[in-house]
Amino acid sequence: MPQSHKHVAVLMGGLSAEREVSLNSGRACSQALEEQGYRVTPIDVDQDIARVLQAVRPDVAFNALHGPQGEDGTIQGLLEILRIPYTHSGVLASALAMDKEKAKHVMRAAGVPVPDGLVVSRREAARRHVLPPPYVVKPIREGSSVGVIIVRAGRTHPPQELGREDWQFGEEVMVEPFIAGRELTCAVMGDRALGVIDIRAATGEFYDYDAKYAEGGSIHILPAELSPNIYQRVQELALTAHQALGCRGVSRADLRYDDTPGGSGALVVLEVNTQPGMTATSLVPEMAAHAGFPFGELVRWIVEDASLSR
């Protein structure tokens, strides 16, 4: 079908804690797809999404959702049932990558180094230090650093916020040793690893939600200033993790590299994002542009890669 006649429904918003980021991603992608000649219907996803999609009858669903229900295999399963080809990863890969603990098991089996750690109830982690500080506490099934807590060295008390009644990020949390050093990320596009970015928070030490999405919140160094063997190793790990989890289309691996003086030299994959952000400050569009794919060409490639049984 000629792209000028292809009808694309851009799924955005949703019900997760990453709703606002998803809306920004969806709007940017909708505009770029219209400029590429597609007929575009933006859809703010709610619980009636099945009825809406049946009424809209798109040729392709561009998934710009983030977080639970958009990134965990749920919407992918619905699109399979409705027989609407969709972008990014399929049901199994999406569910696996969203569950950080299960993803670690799969990646470790494929030879990808991942952090040590354990899964405990959030209330236990609020009562005592389950690991010696410094360590990181993160929800098992959230993205965009939502709910992540860094417990610094020398902190006397465990994070009390984990025991609050208004905690929204699940009854179990993952606790991992804090890995000093650099925050690196590398995107995969099809069967190709793109460039490596060294991410530095503009203020503070943590690449948190605000650093990710606020204008000027982070500094991106592309290509990352790494030795050639480490740079290549990051790309190899991103591609291996993408393939081990069964990802399709575009994904992004986040890593830590301890190159601090006297540090361990460890290079580990923290997670793989199957629905990476597509906002003005997002990393994947930056890496794609560096590889010769401006934003419009990137979203066109993603749409043309869409399928079922992913």
C-alpha atoms as a PDB file:
ATOM      1  CA  MET A   1       0.000   0.000   0.000  1.00  0.00           C
ATOM      2  CA  PRO A   2       1.504   3.433  -0.877  1.00  0.00           C
ATOM      3  CA  GLN A   3       2.451   5.250   2.277  1.00  0.00           C
ATOM      4  CA  SER A   4       0.368   8.285   1.289  1.00  0.00           C
ATOM      5  CA  HIS A   5      -2.740   6.094   1.549  1.00  0.00           C
ATOM      6  CA  LYS A   6      -1.769   4.203   4.703  1.00  0.00           C
ATOM      7  CA  HIS A   7      -3.901   5.031   7.731  1.00  0.00           C
ATOM      8  CA  VAL A   8      -1.898   5.074  10.984  1.00  0.00           C
ATOM      9  CA  ALA A   9      -3.487   5.229  14.432  1.00  0.00           C
ATOM     10  CA  VAL A  10      -0.988   6.694  16.901  1.00  0.00           C
ATOM     11  CA  LEU A  11      -1.693   5.270  20.350  1.00  0.00           C
ATOM     12  CA  MET A  12      -0.658   7.634  23.122  1.00  0.00           C
ATOM     13  CA  GLY A  13      -1.459   8.759  26.647  1.00  0.00           C
ATOM     14  CA  GLY A  14      -2.889   5.742  28.400  1.00  0.00           C
ATOM     15  CA  LEU A  15      -3.346   5.180  32.107  1.00  0.00           C
ATOM     16  CA  SER A  16       0.207   4.745  33.410  1.00  0.00           C
ATOM     17  CA  ALA A  17       2.429   7.092  35.408  1.00  0.00           C
ATOM     18  CA  GLU A  18       4.163   7.912  32.114  1.00  0.00           C
ATOM     19  CA  ARG A  19       1.013   9.316  30.519  1.00  0.00           C
ATOM     20  CA  GLU A  20       2.363  12.839  29.919  1.00  0.00           C
ATOM     21  CA  VAL A  21       5.571  11.572  28.330  1.00  0.00           C
ATOM     22  CA  SER A  22       3.524   9.299  26.080  1.00  0.00           C
ATOM     23  CA  LEU A  23       1.319  12.184  24.992  1.00  0.00           C
ATOM     24  CA  ASN A  24       4.423  14.169  24.051  1.00  0.00           C
ATOM     25  CA  SER A  25       5.824  11.172  22.141  1.00  0.00           C
ATOM     26  CA  GLY A  26       2.532  10.605  20.353  1.00  0.00           C
ATOM     27  CA  ARG A  27       2.092  14.211  19.304  1.00  0.00           C
ATOM     28  CA  ALA A  28       5.621  14.400  17.911  1.00  0.00           C
ATOM     29  CA  CYS A  29       5.207  11.136  16.007  1.00  0.00           C
ATOM     30  CA  SER A  30       1.767  12.120  14.689  1.00  0.00           C
ATOM     31  CA  GLN A  31       3.099  15.362  13.260  1.00  0.00           C
ATOM     32  CA  ALA A  32       6.122  13.668  11.710  1.00  0.00           C
ATOM     33  CA  LEU A  33       3.979  10.935  10.137  1.00  0.00           C
ATOM     34  CA  GLU A  34       1.597  13.496   8.633  1.00  0.00           C
ATOM     35  CA  GLU A  35       4.604  15.276   7.146  1.00  0.00           C
ATOM     36  CA  GLN A  36       5.687  11.940   5.682  1.00  0.00           C
ATOM     37  CA  GLY A  37       2.344  11.652   3.861  1.00  0.00           C
ATOM     38  CA  TYR A  38       0.456   9.227   6.075  1.00  0.00           C
ATOM     39  CA  ARG A  39      -3.155   9.627   7.113  1.00  0.00           C
ATOM     40  CA  VAL A  40      -2.921   9.866  10.901  1.00  0.00           C
ATOM     41  CA  THR A  41      -5.481   9.433  13.665  1.00  0.00           C
ATOM     42  CA  PRO A  42      -4.115  10.236  17.148  1.00  0.00           C
ATOM     43  CA  ILE A  43      -5.844   8.226  19.875  1.00  0.00           C
ATOM     44  CA  ASP A  44      -5.618   8.982  23.586  1.00  0.00           C
ATOM     45  CA  VAL A  45      -5.915   5.429  24.887  1.00  0.00           C
ATOM     46  CA  ASP A  46      -8.550   4.673  27.517  1.00  0.00           C
ATOM     47  CA  GLN A  47     -10.418   1.555  28.599  1.00  0.00           C
ATOM     48  CA  ASP A  48     -12.586   1.707  25.476  1.00  0.00           C
ATOM     49  CA  ILE A  49      -9.610   1.373  23.138  1.00  0.00           C
ATOM     50  CA  ALA A  50     -10.906  -1.840  21.510  1.00  0.00           C
ATOM     51  CA  ARG A  51     -14.155  -0.151  20.476  1.00  0.00           C
ATOM     52  CA  VAL A  52     -12.298   2.944  19.244  1.00  0.00           C
ATOM     53  CA  LEU A  53      -9.892   0.913  17.116  1.00  0.00           C
ATOM     54  CA  GLN A  54     -12.738  -1.076  15.584  1.00  0.00           C
ATOM     55  CA  ALA A  55     -14.420   2.209  14.644  1.00  0.00           C
ATOM     56  CA  VAL A  56     -11.230   3.868  13.327  1.00  0.00           C
ATOM     57  CA  ARG A  57     -10.089   0.780  11.360  1.00  0.00           C
ATOM     58  CA  PRO A  58      -6.432   1.794  10.869  1.00  0.00           C
ATOM     59  CA  ASP A  59      -3.990  -0.055   8.636  1.00  0.00           C
ATOM     60  CA  VAL A  60      -1.270   0.215  11.296  1.00  0.00           C
ATOM     61  CA  ALA A  61      -1.119   1.084  14.995  1.00  0.00           C
ATOM     62  CA  PHE A  62       1.919   3.173  15.970  1.00  0.00           C
ATOM     63  CA  ASN A  63       2.446   2.377  19.629  1.00  0.00           C
ATOM     64  CA  ALA A  64       3.649   5.507  21.438  1.00  0.00           C
ATOM     65  CA  LEU A  65       2.458   4.288  24.838  1.00  0.00           C
ATOM     66  CA  HIS A  66       4.844   3.946  27.783  1.00  0.00           C
ATOM     67  CA  GLY A  67       4.605   1.953  30.984  1.00  0.00           C
ATOM     68  CA  PRO A  68       2.011  -0.611  32.121  1.00  0.00           C
ATOM     69  CA  GLN A  69      -0.757  -1.473  29.637  1.00  0.00           C
ATOM     70  CA  GLY A  70       1.221   0.048  26.774  1.00  0.00           C
ATOM     71  CA  GLU A  71       4.624  -1.554  27.143  1.00  0.00           C
ATOM     72  CA  ASP A  72       3.889  -4.833  28.953  1.00  0.00           C
ATOM     73  CA  GLY A  73       2.247  -6.922  26.241  1.00  0.00           C
ATOM     74  CA  THR A  74      -1.311  -5.846  27.075  1.00  0.00           C
ATOM     75  CA  ILE A  75      -2.014  -3.519  24.149  1.00  0.00           C
ATOM     76  CA  GLN A  76       0.055  -5.786  21.913  1.00  0.00           C
ATOM     77  CA  GLY A  77      -2.246  -8.715  22.713  1.00  0.00           C
ATOM     78  CA  LEU A  78      -5.317  -6.625  21.941  1.00  0.00           C
ATOM     79  CA  LEU A  79      -3.856  -5.575  18.595  1.00  0.00           C
ATOM     80  CA  GLU A  80      -3.136  -9.221  17.778  1.00  0.00           C
ATOM     81  CA  ILE A  81      -6.780 -10.097  18.498  1.00  0.00           C
ATOM     82  CA  LEU A  82      -8.020  -7.185  16.382  1.00  0.00           C
ATOM     83  CA  ARG A  83      -5.527  -8.152  13.619  1.00  0.00           C
ATOM     84  CA  ILE A  84      -4.094  -4.639  13.399  1.00  0.00           C
ATOM     85  CA  PRO A  85      -0.362  -4.620  12.538  1.00  0.00           C
ATOM     86  CA  TYR A  86       1.590  -2.665  15.141  1.00  0.00           C
ATOM     87  CA  THR A  87       5.016  -1.217  15.767  1.00  0.00           C
ATOM     88  CA  HIS A  88       7.787  -2.126  18.209  1.00  0.00           C
ATOM     89  CA  SER A  89       7.958  -5.452  20.057  1.00  0.00           C
ATOM     90  CA  GLY A  90       5.343  -8.169  20.347  1.00  0.00           C
ATOM     91  CA  VAL A  91       3.466  -9.652  23.281  1.00  0.00           C
ATOM     92  CA  LEU A  92       6.146 -11.879  24.796  1.00  0.00           C
ATOM     93  CA  ALA A  93       9.116  -9.544  24.339  1.00  0.00           C
ATOM     94  CA  SER A  94       7.137  -6.617  25.709  1.00  0.00           C
ATOM     95  CA  ALA A  95       6.014  -8.529  28.793  1.00  0.00           C
ATOM     96  CA  LEU A  96       9.506  -9.909  29.408  1.00  0.00           C
ATOM     97  CA  ALA A  97      11.343  -6.607  29.042  1.00  0.00           C
ATOM     98  CA  MET A  98       8.814  -4.800  31.251  1.00  0.00           C
ATOM     99  CA  ASP A  99       9.429  -7.238  34.103  1.00  0.00           C
ATOM    100  CA  LYS A 100      12.947  -6.223  35.107  1.00  0.00           C
ATOM    101  CA  GLU A 101      13.631  -9.341  37.161  1.00  0.00           C
ATOM    102  CA  LYS A 102      12.534 -11.823  34.485  1.00  0.00           C
ATOM    103  CA  ALA A 103      14.376  -9.829  31.827  1.00  0.00           C
ATOM    104  CA  LYS A 104      17.572 -10.116  33.874  1.00  0.00           C
ATOM    105  CA  HIS A 105      17.274 -13.914  33.929  1.00  0.00           C
ATOM    106  CA  VAL A 106      16.866 -14.037  30.138  1.00  0.00           C
ATOM    107  CA  MET A 107      19.701 -11.613  29.469  1.00  0.00           C
ATOM    108  CA  ARG A 108      22.042 -13.357  31.902  1.00  0.00           C
ATOM    109  CA  ALA A 109      21.370 -16.684  30.152  1.00  0.00           C
ATOM    110  CA  ALA A 110      22.362 -15.019  26.857  1.00  0.00           C
ATOM    111  CA  GLY A 111      25.691 -13.882  28.315  1.00  0.00           C
ATOM    112  CA  VAL A 112      24.673 -10.284  28.980  1.00  0.00           C
ATOM    113  CA  PRO A 113      26.095  -8.983  32.285  1.00  0.00           C
ATOM    114  CA  VAL A 114      23.371  -7.626  34.577  1.00  0.00           C
ATOM    115  CA  PRO A 115      23.491  -6.290  38.143  1.00  0.00           C
ATOM    116  CA  ASP A 116      23.177  -8.584  41.132  1.00  0.00           C
ATOM    117  CA  GLY A 117      20.243  -7.939  43.420  1.00  0.00           C
ATOM    118  CA  LEU A 118      17.070  -9.351  44.857  1.00  0.00           C
ATOM    119  CA  VAL A 119      13.309  -8.873  44.857  1.00  0.00           C
ATOM    120  CA  VAL A 120      11.623  -8.151  48.195  1.00  0.00           C
ATOM    121  CA  SER A 121       8.349  -6.734  49.416  1.00  0.00           C
ATOM    122  CA  ARG A 122       8.326  -2.977  49.568  1.00  0.00           C
ATOM    123  CA  ARG A 123       7.422  -3.048  53.260  1.00  0.00           C
ATOM    124  CA  GLU A 124      10.441  -5.196  54.075  1.00  0.00           C
ATOM    125  CA  ALA A 125      12.663  -2.765  52.170  1.00  0.00           C
ATOM    126  CA  ALA A 126      11.138   0.046  54.243  1.00  0.00           C
ATOM    127  CA  ARG A 127      11.895  -1.771  57.531  1.00  0.00           C
ATOM    128  CA  ARG A 128      15.572  -2.583  57.000  1.00  0.00           C
ATOM    129  CA  HIS A 129      18.486  -2.257  54.636  1.00  0.00           C
ATOM    130  CA  VAL A 130      18.183  -5.429  52.563  1.00  0.00           C
ATOM    131  CA  LEU A 131      21.572  -4.610  50.988  1.00  0.00           C
ATOM    132  CA  PRO A 132      24.441  -2.570  52.407  1.00  0.00           C
ATOM    133  CA  PRO A 133      24.221   1.051  51.191  1.00  0.00           C
ATOM    134  CA  PRO A 134      24.695   2.373  48.601  1.00  0.00           C
ATOM    135  CA  TYR A 135      21.945   0.583  46.696  1.00  0.00           C
ATOM    136  CA  VAL A 136      19.069   1.278  44.322  1.00  0.00           C
ATOM    137  CA  VAL A 137      15.398   0.414  44.833  1.00  0.00           C
ATOM    138  CA  LYS A 138      13.221   0.304  41.744  1.00  0.00           C
ATOM    139  CA  PRO A 139       9.715  -0.860  40.860  1.00  0.00           C
ATOM    140  CA  ILE A 140       9.775  -4.089  38.872  1.00  0.00           C
ATOM    141  CA  ARG A 141       7.349  -2.966  36.169  1.00  0.00           C
ATOM    142  CA  GLU A 142       7.739   0.790  35.621  1.00  0.00           C
ATOM    143  CA  GLY A 143       9.863   2.890  33.291  1.00  0.00           C
ATOM    144  CA  SER A 144      11.282   6.424  33.018  1.00  0.00           C
ATOM    145  CA  SER A 145      12.869   6.075  36.472  1.00  0.00           C
ATOM    146  CA  VAL A 146       9.389   6.295  38.016  1.00  0.00           C
ATOM    147  CA  GLY A 147       9.576   5.282  41.682  1.00  0.00           C
ATOM    148  CA  VAL A 148      13.374   4.739  41.671  1.00  0.00           C
ATOM    149  CA  ILE A 149      15.136   5.483  44.975  1.00  0.00           C
ATOM    150  CA  ILE A 150      18.895   5.690  45.492  1.00  0.00           C
ATOM    151  CA  VAL A 151      19.983   4.897  49.055  1.00  0.00           C
ATOM    152  CA  ARG A 152      23.330   6.629  49.516  1.00  0.00           C
ATOM    153  CA  ALA A 153      26.314   5.329  51.446  1.00  0.00           C
ATOM    154  CA  GLY A 154      26.083   6.127  55.135  1.00  0.00           C
ATOM    155  CA  ARG A 155      22.298   6.480  55.182  1.00  0.00           C
ATOM    156  CA  THR A 156      21.051   5.212  58.526  1.00  0.00           C
ATOM    157  CA  HIS A 157      17.433   4.475  57.734  1.00  0.00           C
ATOM    158  CA  PRO A 158      15.949   2.528  54.818  1.00  0.00           C
ATOM    159  CA  PRO A 159      13.628   4.455  52.462  1.00  0.00           C
ATOM    160  CA  GLN A 160      10.461   5.077  54.437  1.00  0.00           C
ATOM    161  CA  GLU A 161       8.436   6.109  51.398  1.00  0.00           C
ATOM    162  CA  LEU A 162       8.247   2.434  50.434  1.00  0.00           C
ATOM    163  CA  GLY A 163       5.928   1.807  53.378  1.00  0.00           C
ATOM    164  CA  ARG A 164       3.456   4.560  52.605  1.00  0.00           C
ATOM    165  CA  GLU A 165      -0.146   3.715  51.851  1.00  0.00           C
ATOM    166  CA  ASP A 166      -0.084   5.877  48.712  1.00  0.00           C
ATOM    167  CA  TRP A 167       2.804   3.943  47.124  1.00  0.00           C
ATOM    168  CA  GLN A 168       1.589   3.199  43.590  1.00  0.00           C
ATOM    169  CA  PHE A 169       4.289   1.024  42.069  1.00  0.00           C
ATOM    170  CA  GLY A 170       3.598  -2.539  43.184  1.00  0.00           C
ATOM    171  CA  GLU A 171       4.044  -4.592  46.329  1.00  0.00           C
ATOM    172  CA  GLU A 172       7.438  -5.963  45.307  1.00  0.00           C
ATOM    173  CA  VAL A 173      10.561  -3.971  44.456  1.00  0.00           C
ATOM    174  CA  MET A 174      13.952  -4.806  43.005  1.00  0.00           C
ATOM    175  CA  VAL A 175      16.987  -3.893  45.082  1.00  0.00           C
ATOM    176  CA  GLU A 176      20.395  -3.723  43.385  1.00  0.00           C
ATOM    177  CA  PRO A 177      23.841  -2.532  44.459  1.00  0.00           C
ATOM    178  CA  PHE A 178      24.518   1.012  43.285  1.00  0.00           C
ATOM    179  CA  ILE A 179      26.990   0.961  40.394  1.00  0.00           C
ATOM    180  CA  ALA A 180      29.137   4.064  40.259  1.00  0.00           C
ATOM    181  CA  GLY A 181      30.303   5.583  36.996  1.00  0.00           C
ATOM    182  CA  ARG A 182      28.628   6.442  33.734  1.00  0.00           C
ATOM    183  CA  GLU A 183      25.049   6.122  32.491  1.00  0.00           C
ATOM    184  CA  LEU A 184      25.206   4.830  28.913  1.00  0.00           C
ATOM    185  CA  THR A 185      22.479   4.012  26.444  1.00  0.00           C
ATOM    186  CA  CYS A 186      22.390   2.403  23.001  1.00  0.00           C
ATOM    187  CA  ALA A 187      19.463   1.941  20.631  1.00  0.00           C
ATOM    188  CA  VAL A 188      18.823  -0.988  18.308  1.00  0.00           C
ATOM    189  CA  MET A 189      16.993  -0.443  15.041  1.00  0.00           C
ATOM    190  CA  GLY A 190      16.061  -3.712  13.389  1.00  0.00           C
ATOM    191  CA  ASP A 191      19.235  -5.782  13.517  1.00  0.00           C
ATOM    192  CA  ARG A 192      21.607  -2.834  13.911  1.00  0.00           C
ATOM    193  CA  ALA A 193      22.984  -1.191  17.054  1.00  0.00           C
ATOM    194  CA  LEU A 194      23.166   2.587  16.725  1.00  0.00           C
ATOM    195  CA  GLY A 195      25.553   4.963  18.486  1.00  0.00           C
ATOM    196  CA  VAL A 196      26.242   5.107  22.215  1.00  0.00           C
ATOM    197  CA  ILE A 197      25.246   8.115  24.326  1.00  0.00           C
ATOM    198  CA  ASP A 198      26.856   9.053  27.634  1.00  0.00           C
ATOM    199  CA  ILE A 199      24.060  10.655  29.681  1.00  0.00           C
ATOM    200  CA  ARG A 200      24.847  13.156  32.386  1.00  0.00           C
ATOM    201  CA  ALA A 201      22.265  14.835  34.573  1.00  0.00           C
ATOM    202  CA  ALA A 202      22.619  18.606  34.334  1.00  0.00           C
ATOM    203  CA  THR A 203      22.078  18.904  38.095  1.00  0.00           C
ATOM    204  CA  GLY A 204      22.539  16.236  40.747  1.00  0.00           C
ATOM    205  CA  GLU A 205      23.934  12.757  40.221  1.00  0.00           C
ATOM    206  CA  PHE A 206      20.866  10.818  39.118  1.00  0.00           C
ATOM    207  CA  TYR A 207      19.288  10.639  35.669  1.00  0.00           C
ATOM    208  CA  ASP A 208      15.773  10.767  37.124  1.00  0.00           C
ATOM    209  CA  TYR A 209      12.381  11.555  35.572  1.00  0.00           C
ATOM    210  CA  ASP A 210      13.020  15.320  35.517  1.00  0.00           C
ATOM    211  CA  ALA A 211      16.499  14.903  34.059  1.00  0.00           C
ATOM    212  CA  LYS A 212      15.024  12.697  31.327  1.00  0.00           C
ATOM    213  CA  TYR A 213      12.202  14.973  30.231  1.00  0.00           C
ATOM    214  CA  ALA A 214      12.778  18.546  31.384  1.00  0.00           C
ATOM    215  CA  GLU A 215      14.408  20.750  28.782  1.00  0.00           C
ATOM    216  CA  GLY A 216      18.064  21.091  29.730  1.00  0.00           C
ATOM    217  CA  GLY A 217      17.723  18.402  32.393  1.00  0.00           C
ATOM    218  CA  SER A 218      20.495  16.250  30.960  1.00  0.00           C
ATOM    219  CA  ILE A 219      23.564  16.436  28.774  1.00  0.00           C
ATOM    220  CA  HIS A 220      23.920  13.860  25.975  1.00  0.00           C
ATOM    221  CA  ILE A 221      27.387  13.095  24.678  1.00  0.00           C
ATOM    222  CA  LEU A 222      27.138  11.362  21.291  1.00  0.00           C
ATOM    223  CA  PRO A 223      29.252   9.532  20.447  1.00  0.00           C
ATOM    224  CA  ALA A 224      30.190   8.676  24.019  1.00  0.00           C
ATOM    225  CA  GLU A 225      33.845   9.273  24.800  1.00  0.00           C
ATOM    226  CA  LEU A 226      34.825   5.674  25.425  1.00  0.00           C
ATOM    227  CA  SER A 227      37.699   3.488  24.325  1.00  0.00           C
ATOM    228  CA  PRO A 228      36.860   1.759  21.014  1.00  0.00           C
ATOM    229  CA  ASN A 229      36.615  -1.683  22.643  1.00  0.00           C
ATOM    230  CA  ILE A 230      34.178  -0.481  25.328  1.00  0.00           C
ATOM    231  CA  TYR A 231      32.110   1.447  22.764  1.00  0.00           C
ATOM    232  CA  GLN A 232      31.818  -1.653  20.594  1.00  0.00           C
ATOM    233  CA  ARG A 233      31.059  -3.810  23.630  1.00  0.00           C
ATOM    234  CA  VAL A 234      28.132  -1.550  24.567  1.00  0.00           C
ATOM    235  CA  GLN A 235      26.717  -1.942  21.054  1.00  0.00           C
ATOM    236  CA  GLU A 236      27.185  -5.721  21.173  1.00  0.00           C
ATOM    237  CA  LEU A 237      25.400  -5.965  24.529  1.00  0.00           C
ATOM    238  CA  ALA A 238      22.490  -3.802  23.367  1.00  0.00           C
ATOM    239  CA  LEU A 239      21.994  -5.964  20.278  1.00  0.00           C
ATOM    240  CA  THR A 240      22.369  -9.238  22.203  1.00  0.00           C
ATOM    241  CA  ALA A 241      19.864  -8.125  24.836  1.00  0.00           C
ATOM    242  CA  HIS A 242      17.403  -6.998  22.126  1.00  0.00           C
ATOM    243  CA  GLN A 243      17.637 -10.359  20.403  1.00  0.00           C
ATOM    244  CA  ALA A 244      17.579 -12.457  23.599  1.00  0.00           C
ATOM    245  CA  LEU A 245      14.324 -10.842  24.722  1.00  0.00           C
ATOM    246  CA  GLY A 246      12.840 -11.236  21.230  1.00  0.00           C
ATOM    247  CA  CYS A 247      12.435  -7.501  20.605  1.00  0.00           C
ATOM    248  CA  ARG A 248      11.390  -6.102  17.246  1.00  0.00           C
ATOM    249  CA  GLY A 249      11.658  -2.698  15.612  1.00  0.00           C
ATOM    250  CA  VAL A 250      13.352  -0.158  17.842  1.00  0.00           C
ATOM    251  CA  SER A 251      14.513  -0.722  21.423  1.00  0.00           C
ATOM    252  CA  ARG A 252      16.971   0.980  23.758  1.00  0.00           C
ATOM    253  CA  ALA A 253      19.295  -0.613  26.308  1.00  0.00           C
ATOM    254  CA  ASP A 254      20.403   1.325  29.384  1.00  0.00           C
ATOM    255  CA  LEU A 255      23.749   0.436  30.939  1.00  0.00           C
ATOM    256  CA  ARG A 256      26.122   1.434  33.734  1.00  0.00           C
ATOM    257  CA  TYR A 257      29.888   1.528  33.295  1.00  0.00           C
ATOM    258  CA  ASP A 258      32.106   1.843  36.369  1.00  0.00           C
ATOM    259  CA  ASP A 259      35.190   3.621  35.106  1.00  0.00           C
ATOM    260  CA  THR A 260      35.741   5.503  38.361  1.00  0.00           C
ATOM    261  CA  PRO A 261      39.278   5.617  39.807  1.00  0.00           C
ATOM    262  CA  GLY A 262      39.835   2.307  41.555  1.00  0.00           C
ATOM    263  CA  GLY A 263      36.396   1.144  40.415  1.00  0.00           C
ATOM    264  CA  SER A 264      35.387  -2.324  39.303  1.00  0.00           C
ATOM    265  CA  GLY A 265      35.362  -1.604  35.556  1.00  0.00           C
ATOM    266  CA  ALA A 266      31.968  -3.332  35.416  1.00  0.00           C
ATOM    267  CA  LEU A 267      29.764  -2.809  32.354  1.00  0.00           C
ATOM    268  CA  VAL A 268      26.205  -4.052  32.943  1.00  0.00           C
ATOM    269  CA  VAL A 269      22.839  -3.773  31.219  1.00  0.00           C
ATOM    270  CA  LEU A 270      20.188  -2.373  33.551  1.00  0.00           C
ATOM    271  CA  GLU A 271      17.167  -2.848  31.305  1.00  0.00           C
ATOM    272  CA  VAL A 272      15.830  -2.844  27.756  1.00  0.00           C
ATOM    273  CA  ASN A 273      13.090  -0.386  26.813  1.00  0.00           C
ATOM    274  CA  THR A 274      10.788  -1.743  24.116  1.00  0.00           C
ATOM    275  CA  GLN A 275       8.850   1.561  23.855  1.00  0.00           C
ATOM    276  CA  PRO A 276      11.591   4.186  24.086  1.00  0.00           C
ATOM    277  CA  GLY A 277      10.552   7.818  24.306  1.00  0.00           C
ATOM    278  CA  MET A 278      10.046   9.820  21.119  1.00  0.00           C
ATOM    279  CA  THR A 279       9.925  13.355  22.517  1.00  0.00           C
ATOM    280  CA  ALA A 280      12.072  16.353  21.601  1.00  0.00           C
ATOM    281  CA  THR A 281      14.555  15.403  24.344  1.00  0.00           C
ATOM    282  CA  SER A 282      14.446  11.652  23.712  1.00  0.00           C
ATOM    283  CA  LEU A 283      17.516   9.539  23.108  1.00  0.00           C
ATOM    284  CA  VAL A 284      16.473   7.234  20.259  1.00  0.00           C
ATOM    285  CA  PRO A 285      15.703  10.040  17.774  1.00  0.00           C
ATOM    286  CA  GLU A 286      19.086  11.553  18.616  1.00  0.00           C
ATOM    287  CA  MET A 287      20.912   8.276  18.004  1.00  0.00           C
ATOM    288  CA  ALA A 288      18.938   7.628  14.812  1.00  0.00           C
ATOM    289  CA  ALA A 289      19.761  11.098  13.449  1.00  0.00           C
ATOM    290  CA  HIS A 290      23.438  10.469  14.188  1.00  0.00           C
ATOM    291  CA  ALA A 291      23.136   7.271  12.116  1.00  0.00           C
ATOM    292  CA  GLY A 292      21.553   9.136   9.197  1.00  0.00           C
ATOM    293  CA  PHE A 293      17.843   8.766  10.015  1.00  0.00           C
ATOM    294  CA  PRO A 294      16.202  12.161  10.680  1.00  0.00           C
ATOM    295  CA  PHE A 295      13.070  12.021  12.822  1.00  0.00           C
ATOM    296  CA  GLY A 296      10.642  11.765   9.907  1.00  0.00           C
ATOM    297  CA  GLU A 297      12.575   8.912   8.336  1.00  0.00           C
ATOM    298  CA  LEU A 298      12.799   7.171  11.703  1.00  0.00           C
ATOM    299  CA  VAL A 299       9.034   7.158  12.287  1.00  0.00           C
ATOM    300  CA  ARG A 300       8.451   6.100   8.675  1.00  0.00           C
ATOM    301  CA  TRP A 301      10.856   3.173   9.158  1.00  0.00           C
ATOM    302  CA  ILE A 302       9.036   2.188  12.354  1.00  0.00           C
ATOM    303  CA  VAL A 303       5.638   2.224  10.604  1.00  0.00           C
ATOM    304  CA  GLU A 304       6.874   0.239   7.608  1.00  0.00           C
ATOM    305  CA  ASP A 305       8.380  -2.333  10.005  1.00  0.00           C
ATOM    306  CA  ALA A 306       4.986  -2.927  11.698  1.00  0.00           C
ATOM    307  CA  SER A 307       3.463  -6.407  11.608  1.00  0.00           C
ATOM    308  CA  LEU A 308       1.496  -9.000  13.538  1.00  0.00           C
ATOM    309  CA  SER A 309       2.935 -12.048  15.342  1.00  0.00           C
ATOM    310  CA  ARG A 310       5.924 -10.044  16.473  1.00  0.00           C
END
